[in-house]
């Protein structure tokens, strides 16, 4: 098979690999045709070679594999997608204008069975980071959360709803763990015009908004994203989910009621922002752009202030990834 590089438009969903019409080059993107590598055994480490890349095990239990460029020894991340799905999977990513907080595609290699999508290396996910630290000081949380809100605002302005927002979706760009980026847009939805009404029941149980749990009717995708942002910030500064229960039915009942408490260890401005994002009525929630204007981000935080634990609240830890954060009860 010819291994020469071929460029094509990502929305040509049904284009044949052997009959692809050339289009204007996409920035920073090359797509090459590659032979399908040998199938990997589940009993052996996931390792294969694709062109100049060695594909290694998944990084940090996430959806992306580690990959090594054998020419430069540079480490990247790789997402492996069934070849008939990769254009549709990546379409929200190609639709968005460039943003520093969204994972950038370096290269795509296509075989008969799979597409190998290469991204910049990341340095761990935000869920694991918060779990390790138990909770973040507000000064650190504000710097990280402003980057997250900026990404969501950029997506909403560009007609993309993220749908399954959670801490796990954001990873660190640097070893110092001061810059984050959205790892991917696998669950994102491209809007048709200004109407953001969605019908599907999609999301992670701990982050899902009350209106999604209604038995009938559509809901605002953007407002549902804002609720999830509120859950993310709550978890970052408190160290646990605002709604938590081992039984899905009980968990959903708590979310429908929309009642939660914020410990007194959280500042008044942070409480205000969390409550402004987690209004039970979607129409009363802040927009992503309005979140960035909240005075909490300009607060003067105490230097080296201890991150206190509220002894009145049990189970004050972020659950492990193998529990409900990594499970979805929606289709």
C-alpha atoms as a PDB file:
ATOM      1  CA  UNK A   1       0.000   0.000   0.000  1.00  0.00           C
ATOM      2  CA  UNK A   2       1.174   3.462  -0.778  1.00  0.00           C
ATOM      3  CA  UNK A   3       2.291   5.239   2.404  1.00  0.00           C
ATOM      4  CA  UNK A   4       2.360   8.729   0.905  1.00  0.00           C
ATOM      5  CA  UNK A   5       0.574  11.434   2.850  1.00  0.00           C
ATOM      6  CA  UNK A   6      -2.958  12.319   1.772  1.00  0.00           C
ATOM      7  CA  UNK A   7      -5.021  15.298   2.925  1.00  0.00           C
ATOM      8  CA  UNK A   8      -8.782  15.432   2.922  1.00  0.00           C
ATOM      9  CA  UNK A   9     -11.646  17.353   4.477  1.00  0.00           C
ATOM     10  CA  UNK A  10     -12.894  15.734   7.716  1.00  0.00           C
ATOM     11  CA  UNK A  11     -16.553  15.968   6.734  1.00  0.00           C
ATOM     12  CA  UNK A  12     -16.122  13.683   3.708  1.00  0.00           C
ATOM     13  CA  UNK A  13     -17.558  10.866   5.805  1.00  0.00           C
ATOM     14  CA  UNK A  14     -18.044   8.408   2.994  1.00  0.00           C
ATOM     15  CA  UNK A  15     -14.941   9.121   0.934  1.00  0.00           C
ATOM     16  CA  UNK A  16     -12.983   6.066  -0.109  1.00  0.00           C
ATOM     17  CA  UNK A  17      -9.356   5.883   1.020  1.00  0.00           C
ATOM     18  CA  UNK A  18      -8.421   4.981  -2.527  1.00  0.00           C
ATOM     19  CA  UNK A  19     -10.472   7.729  -4.134  1.00  0.00           C
ATOM     20  CA  UNK A  20     -10.115  10.889  -2.027  1.00  0.00           C
ATOM     21  CA  UNK A  21     -10.254  14.199  -3.784  1.00  0.00           C
ATOM     22  CA  UNK A  22      -7.542  16.601  -2.590  1.00  0.00           C
ATOM     23  CA  UNK A  23      -8.743  19.764  -0.837  1.00  0.00           C
ATOM     24  CA  UNK A  24      -7.083  22.777   0.726  1.00  0.00           C
ATOM     25  CA  UNK A  25      -4.525  21.627   3.344  1.00  0.00           C
ATOM     26  CA  UNK A  26      -5.736  21.613   6.921  1.00  0.00           C
ATOM     27  CA  UNK A  27      -3.346  23.456   9.297  1.00  0.00           C
ATOM     28  CA  UNK A  28      -0.965  21.271  11.314  1.00  0.00           C
ATOM     29  CA  UNK A  29      -2.631  18.101  10.072  1.00  0.00           C
ATOM     30  CA  UNK A  30      -1.410  15.240   7.954  1.00  0.00           C
ATOM     31  CA  UNK A  31      -3.331  12.071   7.248  1.00  0.00           C
ATOM     32  CA  UNK A  32      -1.443   9.080   5.946  1.00  0.00           C
ATOM     33  CA  UNK A  33      -2.634   5.682   4.735  1.00  0.00           C
ATOM     34  CA  UNK A  34      -1.051   2.793   6.605  1.00  0.00           C
ATOM     35  CA  UNK A  35      -1.279  -1.005   6.593  1.00  0.00           C
ATOM     36  CA  UNK A  36      -3.340  -2.432   9.453  1.00  0.00           C
ATOM     37  CA  UNK A  37      -0.920  -3.579  12.199  1.00  0.00           C
ATOM     38  CA  UNK A  38      -1.216  -7.066  13.699  1.00  0.00           C
ATOM     39  CA  UNK A  39      -4.007  -7.505  16.219  1.00  0.00           C
ATOM     40  CA  UNK A  40      -2.896  -7.169  19.830  1.00  0.00           C
ATOM     41  CA  UNK A  41      -3.573  -9.944  22.291  1.00  0.00           C
ATOM     42  CA  UNK A  42      -5.491  -8.944  25.420  1.00  0.00           C
ATOM     43  CA  UNK A  43      -3.118 -11.057  27.500  1.00  0.00           C
ATOM     44  CA  UNK A  44      -0.038  -9.137  26.366  1.00  0.00           C
ATOM     45  CA  UNK A  45       0.923  -5.461  26.763  1.00  0.00           C
ATOM     46  CA  UNK A  46      -0.787  -3.320  24.149  1.00  0.00           C
ATOM     47  CA  UNK A  47       2.128  -2.590  21.851  1.00  0.00           C
ATOM     48  CA  UNK A  48       2.302  -2.147  18.110  1.00  0.00           C
ATOM     49  CA  UNK A  49       4.162  -0.091  15.537  1.00  0.00           C
ATOM     50  CA  UNK A  50       2.325   2.202  13.137  1.00  0.00           C
ATOM     51  CA  UNK A  51       4.571   3.896  10.602  1.00  0.00           C
ATOM     52  CA  UNK A  52       7.161   5.844  12.673  1.00  0.00           C
ATOM     53  CA  UNK A  53       5.205   5.507  15.939  1.00  0.00           C
ATOM     54  CA  UNK A  54       5.293   2.862  18.648  1.00  0.00           C
ATOM     55  CA  UNK A  55       1.911   2.637  20.382  1.00  0.00           C
ATOM     56  CA  UNK A  56       2.186   1.790  24.086  1.00  0.00           C
ATOM     57  CA  UNK A  57      -0.253   1.244  26.947  1.00  0.00           C
ATOM     58  CA  UNK A  58      -2.975   3.693  27.854  1.00  0.00           C
ATOM     59  CA  UNK A  59      -1.793   6.629  29.916  1.00  0.00           C
ATOM     60  CA  UNK A  60      -3.235   7.013  33.411  1.00  0.00           C
ATOM     61  CA  UNK A  61      -6.208   4.769  32.776  1.00  0.00           C
ATOM     62  CA  UNK A  62      -7.628   7.221  30.230  1.00  0.00           C
ATOM     63  CA  UNK A  63      -8.764   6.800  26.637  1.00  0.00           C
ATOM     64  CA  UNK A  64      -5.465   7.813  25.026  1.00  0.00           C
ATOM     65  CA  UNK A  65      -2.431   5.623  24.507  1.00  0.00           C
ATOM     66  CA  UNK A  66       1.150   6.704  24.950  1.00  0.00           C
ATOM     67  CA  UNK A  67       3.054   6.852  21.669  1.00  0.00           C
ATOM     68  CA  UNK A  68       6.722   7.337  20.789  1.00  0.00           C
ATOM     69  CA  UNK A  69       7.951   8.889  17.549  1.00  0.00           C
ATOM     70  CA  UNK A  70      10.913   6.679  16.676  1.00  0.00           C
ATOM     71  CA  UNK A  71      12.469   9.389  14.502  1.00  0.00           C
ATOM     72  CA  UNK A  72      12.580  12.061  17.210  1.00  0.00           C
ATOM     73  CA  UNK A  73      11.960  10.014  20.418  1.00  0.00           C
ATOM     74  CA  UNK A  74       9.198  12.510  21.196  1.00  0.00           C
ATOM     75  CA  UNK A  75       6.362  11.183  23.320  1.00  0.00           C
ATOM     76  CA  UNK A  76       2.801  11.884  22.176  1.00  0.00           C
ATOM     77  CA  UNK A  77      -0.701  10.682  22.991  1.00  0.00           C
ATOM     78  CA  UNK A  78      -2.670   8.550  20.545  1.00  0.00           C
ATOM     79  CA  UNK A  79      -6.369   7.900  20.209  1.00  0.00           C
ATOM     80  CA  UNK A  80      -7.355   4.800  18.253  1.00  0.00           C
ATOM     81  CA  UNK A  81     -10.716   5.026  16.473  1.00  0.00           C
ATOM     82  CA  UNK A  82     -12.484   2.609  14.157  1.00  0.00           C
ATOM     83  CA  UNK A  83     -11.824   3.889  10.663  1.00  0.00           C
ATOM     84  CA  UNK A  84     -15.503   4.227   9.726  1.00  0.00           C
ATOM     85  CA  UNK A  85     -16.131   6.419  12.787  1.00  0.00           C
ATOM     86  CA  UNK A  86     -13.139   8.713  12.998  1.00  0.00           C
ATOM     87  CA  UNK A  87     -14.375  11.529  10.728  1.00  0.00           C
ATOM     88  CA  UNK A  88     -17.628  11.813  12.681  1.00  0.00           C
ATOM     89  CA  UNK A  89     -15.800  11.482  16.010  1.00  0.00           C
ATOM     90  CA  UNK A  90     -13.390  14.293  15.168  1.00  0.00           C
ATOM     91  CA  UNK A  91     -15.847  16.595  13.391  1.00  0.00           C
ATOM     92  CA  UNK A  92     -16.474  18.851  16.462  1.00  0.00           C
ATOM     93  CA  UNK A  93     -12.706  19.242  16.880  1.00  0.00           C
ATOM     94  CA  UNK A  94     -12.210  20.313  13.279  1.00  0.00           C
ATOM     95  CA  UNK A  95     -15.233  22.604  13.479  1.00  0.00           C
ATOM     96  CA  UNK A  96     -13.773  24.666  16.338  1.00  0.00           C
ATOM     97  CA  UNK A  97     -11.340  27.522  15.800  1.00  0.00           C
ATOM     98  CA  UNK A  98      -7.965  26.941  17.464  1.00  0.00           C
ATOM     99  CA  UNK A  99      -7.771  27.406  21.238  1.00  0.00           C
ATOM    100  CA  UNK A 100      -4.843  26.876  23.617  1.00  0.00           C
ATOM    101  CA  UNK A 101      -7.062  24.905  25.966  1.00  0.00           C
ATOM    102  CA  UNK A 102      -8.154  22.256  23.444  1.00  0.00           C
ATOM    103  CA  UNK A 103      -5.985  19.285  22.540  1.00  0.00           C
ATOM    104  CA  UNK A 104      -4.330  19.846  19.159  1.00  0.00           C
ATOM    105  CA  UNK A 105      -4.147  17.118  16.521  1.00  0.00           C
ATOM    106  CA  UNK A 106      -0.563  16.548  15.374  1.00  0.00           C
ATOM    107  CA  UNK A 107      -1.102  13.822  12.799  1.00  0.00           C
ATOM    108  CA  UNK A 108      -3.613  11.192  11.702  1.00  0.00           C
ATOM    109  CA  UNK A 109      -2.634   7.833  10.223  1.00  0.00           C
ATOM    110  CA  UNK A 110      -5.345   5.674   8.672  1.00  0.00           C
ATOM    111  CA  UNK A 111      -5.275   1.924   8.133  1.00  0.00           C
ATOM    112  CA  UNK A 112      -7.959  -0.394   6.754  1.00  0.00           C
ATOM    113  CA  UNK A 113      -9.402  -0.855  10.249  1.00  0.00           C
ATOM    114  CA  UNK A 114      -8.326   2.039  12.450  1.00  0.00           C
ATOM    115  CA  UNK A 115      -7.440   5.710  12.505  1.00  0.00           C
ATOM    116  CA  UNK A 116      -4.535   6.676  14.777  1.00  0.00           C
ATOM    117  CA  UNK A 117      -4.928  10.267  15.949  1.00  0.00           C
ATOM    118  CA  UNK A 118      -1.834  11.795  17.582  1.00  0.00           C
ATOM    119  CA  UNK A 119      -1.975  14.633  20.113  1.00  0.00           C
ATOM    120  CA  UNK A 120       0.509  16.462  22.291  1.00  0.00           C
ATOM    121  CA  UNK A 121       1.567  14.587  25.419  1.00  0.00           C
ATOM    122  CA  UNK A 122      -0.319  15.361  28.636  1.00  0.00           C
ATOM    123  CA  UNK A 123       0.751  15.147  32.279  1.00  0.00           C
ATOM    124  CA  UNK A 124      -2.147  13.523  34.086  1.00  0.00           C
ATOM    125  CA  UNK A 125      -5.845  14.312  34.401  1.00  0.00           C
ATOM    126  CA  UNK A 126      -7.544  16.771  36.718  1.00  0.00           C
ATOM    127  CA  UNK A 127      -9.711  14.168  38.463  1.00  0.00           C
ATOM    128  CA  UNK A 128      -6.679  12.200  39.639  1.00  0.00           C
ATOM    129  CA  UNK A 129      -4.913  15.415  40.640  1.00  0.00           C
ATOM    130  CA  UNK A 130      -7.809  16.598  42.839  1.00  0.00           C
ATOM    131  CA  UNK A 131      -8.173  13.135  44.316  1.00  0.00           C
ATOM    132  CA  UNK A 132      -4.475  13.038  45.228  1.00  0.00           C
ATOM    133  CA  UNK A 133      -4.595  16.480  46.866  1.00  0.00           C
ATOM    134  CA  UNK A 134      -8.056  15.804  48.387  1.00  0.00           C
ATOM    135  CA  UNK A 135      -9.085  19.357  47.407  1.00  0.00           C
ATOM    136  CA  UNK A 136      -7.466  22.441  45.930  1.00  0.00           C
ATOM    137  CA  UNK A 137      -6.805  25.773  47.578  1.00  0.00           C
ATOM    138  CA  UNK A 138      -9.011  28.406  46.027  1.00  0.00           C
ATOM    139  CA  UNK A 139      -6.100  30.342  44.554  1.00  0.00           C
ATOM    140  CA  UNK A 140      -4.997  27.283  42.564  1.00  0.00           C
ATOM    141  CA  UNK A 141      -8.574  26.281  41.778  1.00  0.00           C
ATOM    142  CA  UNK A 142      -9.394  29.726  40.375  1.00  0.00           C
ATOM    143  CA  UNK A 143      -6.448  29.656  37.982  1.00  0.00           C
ATOM    144  CA  UNK A 144      -7.343  26.204  36.698  1.00  0.00           C
ATOM    145  CA  UNK A 145     -11.096  26.763  36.576  1.00  0.00           C
ATOM    146  CA  UNK A 146     -10.748  30.003  34.603  1.00  0.00           C
ATOM    147  CA  UNK A 147      -8.967  27.998  31.889  1.00  0.00           C
ATOM    148  CA  UNK A 148     -11.769  25.418  31.915  1.00  0.00           C
ATOM    149  CA  UNK A 149     -14.482  28.080  31.695  1.00  0.00           C
ATOM    150  CA  UNK A 150     -12.596  29.740  28.831  1.00  0.00           C
ATOM    151  CA  UNK A 151     -12.636  26.478  26.865  1.00  0.00           C
ATOM    152  CA  UNK A 152     -16.360  25.982  27.460  1.00  0.00           C
ATOM    153  CA  UNK A 153     -17.108  29.583  26.477  1.00  0.00           C
ATOM    154  CA  UNK A 154     -15.088  29.118  23.276  1.00  0.00           C
ATOM    155  CA  UNK A 155     -17.004  25.940  22.423  1.00  0.00           C
ATOM    156  CA  UNK A 156     -20.430  27.438  23.140  1.00  0.00           C
ATOM    157  CA  UNK A 157     -19.653  30.549  21.102  1.00  0.00           C
ATOM    158  CA  UNK A 158     -18.575  28.309  18.215  1.00  0.00           C
ATOM    159  CA  UNK A 159     -21.753  26.206  18.292  1.00  0.00           C
ATOM    160  CA  UNK A 160     -20.449  23.162  20.175  1.00  0.00           C
ATOM    161  CA  UNK A 161     -22.031  21.658  23.311  1.00  0.00           C
ATOM    162  CA  UNK A 162     -19.701  19.376  25.284  1.00  0.00           C
ATOM    163  CA  UNK A 163     -22.433  17.287  26.996  1.00  0.00           C
ATOM    164  CA  UNK A 164     -20.199  15.058  29.187  1.00  0.00           C
ATOM    165  CA  UNK A 165     -18.137  17.622  31.094  1.00  0.00           C
ATOM    166  CA  UNK A 166     -16.202  16.300  34.093  1.00  0.00           C
ATOM    167  CA  UNK A 167     -12.814  16.667  35.747  1.00  0.00           C
ATOM    168  CA  UNK A 168     -11.469  13.608  33.935  1.00  0.00           C
ATOM    169  CA  UNK A 169     -11.915  15.316  30.552  1.00  0.00           C
ATOM    170  CA  UNK A 170      -9.254  17.917  31.375  1.00  0.00           C
ATOM    171  CA  UNK A 171      -5.553  17.059  31.444  1.00  0.00           C
ATOM    172  CA  UNK A 172      -2.428  19.040  32.269  1.00  0.00           C
ATOM    173  CA  UNK A 173      -0.283  20.531  29.527  1.00  0.00           C
ATOM    174  CA  UNK A 174       2.863  20.917  31.624  1.00  0.00           C
ATOM    175  CA  UNK A 175       4.759  19.082  34.339  1.00  0.00           C
ATOM    176  CA  UNK A 176       4.152  21.949  36.768  1.00  0.00           C
ATOM    177  CA  UNK A 177       0.408  21.240  36.426  1.00  0.00           C
ATOM    178  CA  UNK A 178      -0.585  24.859  36.016  1.00  0.00           C
ATOM    179  CA  UNK A 179      -2.085  24.692  32.493  1.00  0.00           C
ATOM    180  CA  UNK A 180      -4.956  22.433  31.495  1.00  0.00           C
ATOM    181  CA  UNK A 181      -6.547  21.463  28.203  1.00  0.00           C
ATOM    182  CA  UNK A 182      -9.642  19.586  27.110  1.00  0.00           C
ATOM    183  CA  UNK A 183      -8.414  16.136  26.146  1.00  0.00           C
ATOM    184  CA  UNK A 184     -11.016  15.487  23.471  1.00  0.00           C
ATOM    185  CA  UNK A 185     -14.511  16.209  22.183  1.00  0.00           C
ATOM    186  CA  UNK A 186     -15.734  12.641  21.836  1.00  0.00           C
ATOM    187  CA  UNK A 187     -19.160  13.372  23.341  1.00  0.00           C
ATOM    188  CA  UNK A 188     -19.543  16.892  21.946  1.00  0.00           C
ATOM    189  CA  UNK A 189     -22.486  17.884  19.777  1.00  0.00           C
ATOM    190  CA  UNK A 190     -22.441  20.327  16.876  1.00  0.00           C
ATOM    191  CA  UNK A 191     -25.426  22.665  17.031  1.00  0.00           C
ATOM    192  CA  UNK A 192     -27.596  23.540  14.077  1.00  0.00           C
ATOM    193  CA  UNK A 193     -27.801  27.309  14.308  1.00  0.00           C
ATOM    194  CA  UNK A 194     -28.554  28.989  17.641  1.00  0.00           C
ATOM    195  CA  UNK A 195     -30.881  26.291  18.938  1.00  0.00           C
ATOM    196  CA  UNK A 196     -29.066  24.264  21.625  1.00  0.00           C
ATOM    197  CA  UNK A 197     -32.015  22.024  22.518  1.00  0.00           C
ATOM    198  CA  UNK A 198     -30.963  18.379  22.881  1.00  0.00           C
ATOM    199  CA  UNK A 199     -33.096  15.281  23.332  1.00  0.00           C
ATOM    200  CA  UNK A 200     -30.608  12.553  24.230  1.00  0.00           C
ATOM    201  CA  UNK A 201     -29.904  11.497  27.811  1.00  0.00           C
ATOM    202  CA  UNK A 202     -26.139  11.615  27.881  1.00  0.00           C
ATOM    203  CA  UNK A 203     -23.672  12.288  30.678  1.00  0.00           C
ATOM    204  CA  UNK A 204     -21.843  11.093  33.767  1.00  0.00           C
ATOM    205  CA  UNK A 205     -24.180  10.467  36.745  1.00  0.00           C
ATOM    206  CA  UNK A 206     -22.303  12.644  39.250  1.00  0.00           C
ATOM    207  CA  UNK A 207     -22.247  15.620  36.851  1.00  0.00           C
ATOM    208  CA  UNK A 208     -25.642  15.330  35.172  1.00  0.00           C
ATOM    209  CA  UNK A 209     -28.117  18.212  35.521  1.00  0.00           C
ATOM    210  CA  UNK A 210     -31.675  17.833  36.900  1.00  0.00           C
ATOM    211  CA  UNK A 211     -33.407  18.605  33.598  1.00  0.00           C
ATOM    212  CA  UNK A 212     -31.621  15.733  31.834  1.00  0.00           C
ATOM    213  CA  UNK A 213     -33.218  13.344  34.331  1.00  0.00           C
ATOM    214  CA  UNK A 214     -36.737  14.365  33.295  1.00  0.00           C
ATOM    215  CA  UNK A 215     -38.565  11.562  31.526  1.00  0.00           C
ATOM    216  CA  UNK A 216     -39.650  13.628  28.541  1.00  0.00           C
ATOM    217  CA  UNK A 217     -38.802  16.816  26.685  1.00  0.00           C
ATOM    218  CA  UNK A 218     -35.627  18.446  25.472  1.00  0.00           C
ATOM    219  CA  UNK A 219     -33.152  20.527  27.443  1.00  0.00           C
ATOM    220  CA  UNK A 220     -30.607  23.273  26.831  1.00  0.00           C
ATOM    221  CA  UNK A 221     -27.246  21.679  26.094  1.00  0.00           C
ATOM    222  CA  UNK A 222     -25.331  24.815  27.076  1.00  0.00           C
ATOM    223  CA  UNK A 223     -27.154  25.148  30.403  1.00  0.00           C
ATOM    224  CA  UNK A 224     -26.472  21.469  31.138  1.00  0.00           C
ATOM    225  CA  UNK A 225     -22.759  22.107  30.508  1.00  0.00           C
ATOM    226  CA  UNK A 226     -22.880  24.998  33.005  1.00  0.00           C
ATOM    227  CA  UNK A 227     -24.375  22.732  35.690  1.00  0.00           C
ATOM    228  CA  UNK A 228     -21.512  20.284  35.108  1.00  0.00           C
ATOM    229  CA  UNK A 229     -19.048  23.148  35.479  1.00  0.00           C
ATOM    230  CA  UNK A 230     -20.596  23.893  38.857  1.00  0.00           C
ATOM    231  CA  UNK A 231     -20.124  20.281  39.934  1.00  0.00           C
ATOM    232  CA  UNK A 232     -16.500  20.448  38.773  1.00  0.00           C
ATOM    233  CA  UNK A 233     -15.723  23.598  40.769  1.00  0.00           C
ATOM    234  CA  UNK A 234     -17.533  22.268  43.845  1.00  0.00           C
ATOM    235  CA  UNK A 235     -15.479  19.080  43.683  1.00  0.00           C
ATOM    236  CA  UNK A 236     -12.227  20.994  43.223  1.00  0.00           C
ATOM    237  CA  UNK A 237     -12.637  23.205  46.302  1.00  0.00           C
ATOM    238  CA  UNK A 238     -14.621  20.844  48.558  1.00  0.00           C
ATOM    239  CA  UNK A 239     -13.082  17.489  47.687  1.00  0.00           C
ATOM    240  CA  UNK A 240     -16.250  15.530  47.041  1.00  0.00           C
ATOM    241  CA  UNK A 241     -19.251  15.614  44.724  1.00  0.00           C
ATOM    242  CA  UNK A 242     -22.223  17.794  45.731  1.00  0.00           C
ATOM    243  CA  UNK A 243     -24.468  14.762  45.133  1.00  0.00           C
ATOM    244  CA  UNK A 244     -23.137  11.324  45.963  1.00  0.00           C
ATOM    245  CA  UNK A 245     -24.802   7.973  46.563  1.00  0.00           C
ATOM    246  CA  UNK A 246     -23.886   4.390  45.766  1.00  0.00           C
ATOM    247  CA  UNK A 247     -27.396   3.719  44.437  1.00  0.00           C
ATOM    248  CA  UNK A 248     -28.157   5.423  41.085  1.00  0.00           C
ATOM    249  CA  UNK A 249     -31.848   5.878  41.938  1.00  0.00           C
ATOM    250  CA  UNK A 250     -31.027   7.674  45.190  1.00  0.00           C
ATOM    251  CA  UNK A 251     -28.338   9.759  43.461  1.00  0.00           C
ATOM    252  CA  UNK A 252     -30.726  10.899  40.731  1.00  0.00           C
ATOM    253  CA  UNK A 253     -33.387  11.733  43.302  1.00  0.00           C
ATOM    254  CA  UNK A 254     -30.916  14.036  45.093  1.00  0.00           C
ATOM    255  CA  UNK A 255     -29.945  15.710  41.827  1.00  0.00           C
ATOM    256  CA  UNK A 256     -33.589  16.260  40.808  1.00  0.00           C
ATOM    257  CA  UNK A 257     -34.250  18.063  44.084  1.00  0.00           C
ATOM    258  CA  UNK A 258     -31.136  20.167  43.495  1.00  0.00           C
ATOM    259  CA  UNK A 259     -30.414  20.721  47.185  1.00  0.00           C
ATOM    260  CA  UNK A 260     -26.769  20.724  48.238  1.00  0.00           C
ATOM    261  CA  UNK A 261     -24.668  22.318  50.947  1.00  0.00           C
ATOM    262  CA  UNK A 262     -21.334  24.089  50.613  1.00  0.00           C
ATOM    263  CA  UNK A 263     -18.989  23.886  53.628  1.00  0.00           C
ATOM    264  CA  UNK A 264     -18.079  27.079  55.472  1.00  0.00           C
ATOM    265  CA  UNK A 265     -14.445  26.453  54.526  1.00  0.00           C
ATOM    266  CA  UNK A 266     -15.321  27.751  51.040  1.00  0.00           C
ATOM    267  CA  UNK A 267     -15.192  31.527  50.507  1.00  0.00           C
ATOM    268  CA  UNK A 268     -18.388  33.500  49.965  1.00  0.00           C
ATOM    269  CA  UNK A 269     -17.410  34.433  46.390  1.00  0.00           C
ATOM    270  CA  UNK A 270     -16.707  30.804  45.476  1.00  0.00           C
ATOM    271  CA  UNK A 271     -20.057  29.785  47.012  1.00  0.00           C
ATOM    272  CA  UNK A 272     -21.769  32.485  44.946  1.00  0.00           C
ATOM    273  CA  UNK A 273     -20.196  31.248  41.719  1.00  0.00           C
ATOM    274  CA  UNK A 274     -21.022  27.598  42.420  1.00  0.00           C
ATOM    275  CA  UNK A 275     -24.649  28.409  43.223  1.00  0.00           C
ATOM    276  CA  UNK A 276     -24.908  30.608  40.120  1.00  0.00           C
ATOM    277  CA  UNK A 277     -23.912  27.651  37.956  1.00  0.00           C
ATOM    278  CA  UNK A 278     -26.015  25.057  39.784  1.00  0.00           C
ATOM    279  CA  UNK A 279     -29.416  26.740  39.728  1.00  0.00           C
ATOM    280  CA  UNK A 280     -32.147  24.151  39.410  1.00  0.00           C
ATOM    281  CA  UNK A 281     -33.816  26.315  36.755  1.00  0.00           C
ATOM    282  CA  UNK A 282     -31.528  26.209  33.672  1.00  0.00           C
ATOM    283  CA  UNK A 283     -32.624  29.716  32.646  1.00  0.00           C
ATOM    284  CA  UNK A 284     -31.194  31.167  35.860  1.00  0.00           C
ATOM    285  CA  UNK A 285     -27.669  29.793  35.365  1.00  0.00           C
ATOM    286  CA  UNK A 286     -24.777  31.952  34.247  1.00  0.00           C
ATOM    287  CA  UNK A 287     -23.485  31.560  30.708  1.00  0.00           C
ATOM    288  CA  UNK A 288     -19.890  30.438  30.205  1.00  0.00           C
ATOM    289  CA  UNK A 289     -18.894  33.979  29.210  1.00  0.00           C
ATOM    290  CA  UNK A 290     -20.542  35.393  32.358  1.00  0.00           C
ATOM    291  CA  UNK A 291     -18.654  32.905  34.525  1.00  0.00           C
ATOM    292  CA  UNK A 292     -15.356  34.427  33.386  1.00  0.00           C
ATOM    293  CA  UNK A 293     -16.518  37.844  34.616  1.00  0.00           C
ATOM    294  CA  UNK A 294     -17.270  36.632  38.158  1.00  0.00           C
ATOM    295  CA  UNK A 295     -15.377  38.532  40.902  1.00  0.00           C
ATOM    296  CA  UNK A 296     -14.097  35.297  42.457  1.00  0.00           C
ATOM    297  CA  UNK A 297     -11.348  35.153  39.835  1.00  0.00           C
ATOM    298  CA  UNK A 298     -10.041  38.550  40.978  1.00  0.00           C
ATOM    299  CA  UNK A 299     -10.102  37.712  44.681  1.00  0.00           C
ATOM    300  CA  UNK A 300      -7.072  38.195  46.911  1.00  0.00           C
ATOM    301  CA  UNK A 301      -6.465  34.773  48.382  1.00  0.00           C
ATOM    302  CA  UNK A 302      -4.674  34.205  51.714  1.00  0.00           C
ATOM    303  CA  UNK A 303      -1.030  33.249  51.218  1.00  0.00           C
ATOM    304  CA  UNK A 304      -0.304  29.640  52.188  1.00  0.00           C
ATOM    305  CA  UNK A 305      -3.750  29.295  53.730  1.00  0.00           C
ATOM    306  CA  UNK A 306      -4.391  25.736  54.931  1.00  0.00           C
ATOM    307  CA  UNK A 307      -6.908  23.660  53.028  1.00  0.00           C
ATOM    308  CA  UNK A 308      -9.141  22.776  55.963  1.00  0.00           C
ATOM    309  CA  UNK A 309     -11.328  19.696  56.226  1.00  0.00           C
ATOM    310  CA  UNK A 310     -14.929  20.085  57.322  1.00  0.00           C
ATOM    311  CA  UNK A 311     -15.240  17.392  59.984  1.00  0.00           C
ATOM    312  CA  UNK A 312     -19.056  17.518  59.868  1.00  0.00           C
ATOM    313  CA  UNK A 313     -19.181  16.105  56.348  1.00  0.00           C
ATOM    314  CA  UNK A 314     -18.269  12.407  55.921  1.00  0.00           C
ATOM    315  CA  UNK A 315     -16.791  10.760  52.841  1.00  0.00           C
ATOM    316  CA  UNK A 316     -15.012  13.952  51.837  1.00  0.00           C
ATOM    317  CA  UNK A 317     -12.904  12.498  49.061  1.00  0.00           C
ATOM    318  CA  UNK A 318     -13.168  12.422  45.301  1.00  0.00           C
ATOM    319  CA  UNK A 319     -14.098   8.850  44.270  1.00  0.00           C
ATOM    320  CA  UNK A 320     -11.620   6.677  42.432  1.00  0.00           C
ATOM    321  CA  UNK A 321     -11.945   6.555  38.628  1.00  0.00           C
ATOM    322  CA  UNK A 322     -13.178   2.966  38.833  1.00  0.00           C
ATOM    323  CA  UNK A 323     -16.353   4.118  40.598  1.00  0.00           C
ATOM    324  CA  UNK A 324     -19.197   6.363  39.477  1.00  0.00           C
ATOM    325  CA  UNK A 325     -17.099   9.051  37.794  1.00  0.00           C
ATOM    326  CA  UNK A 326     -16.163   6.545  35.109  1.00  0.00           C
ATOM    327  CA  UNK A 327     -19.696   5.213  34.589  1.00  0.00           C
ATOM    328  CA  UNK A 328     -22.543   6.469  32.485  1.00  0.00           C
ATOM    329  CA  UNK A 329     -26.155   5.374  32.856  1.00  0.00           C
ATOM    330  CA  UNK A 330     -27.184   7.244  29.712  1.00  0.00           C
ATOM    331  CA  UNK A 331     -27.075   6.409  26.041  1.00  0.00           C
END
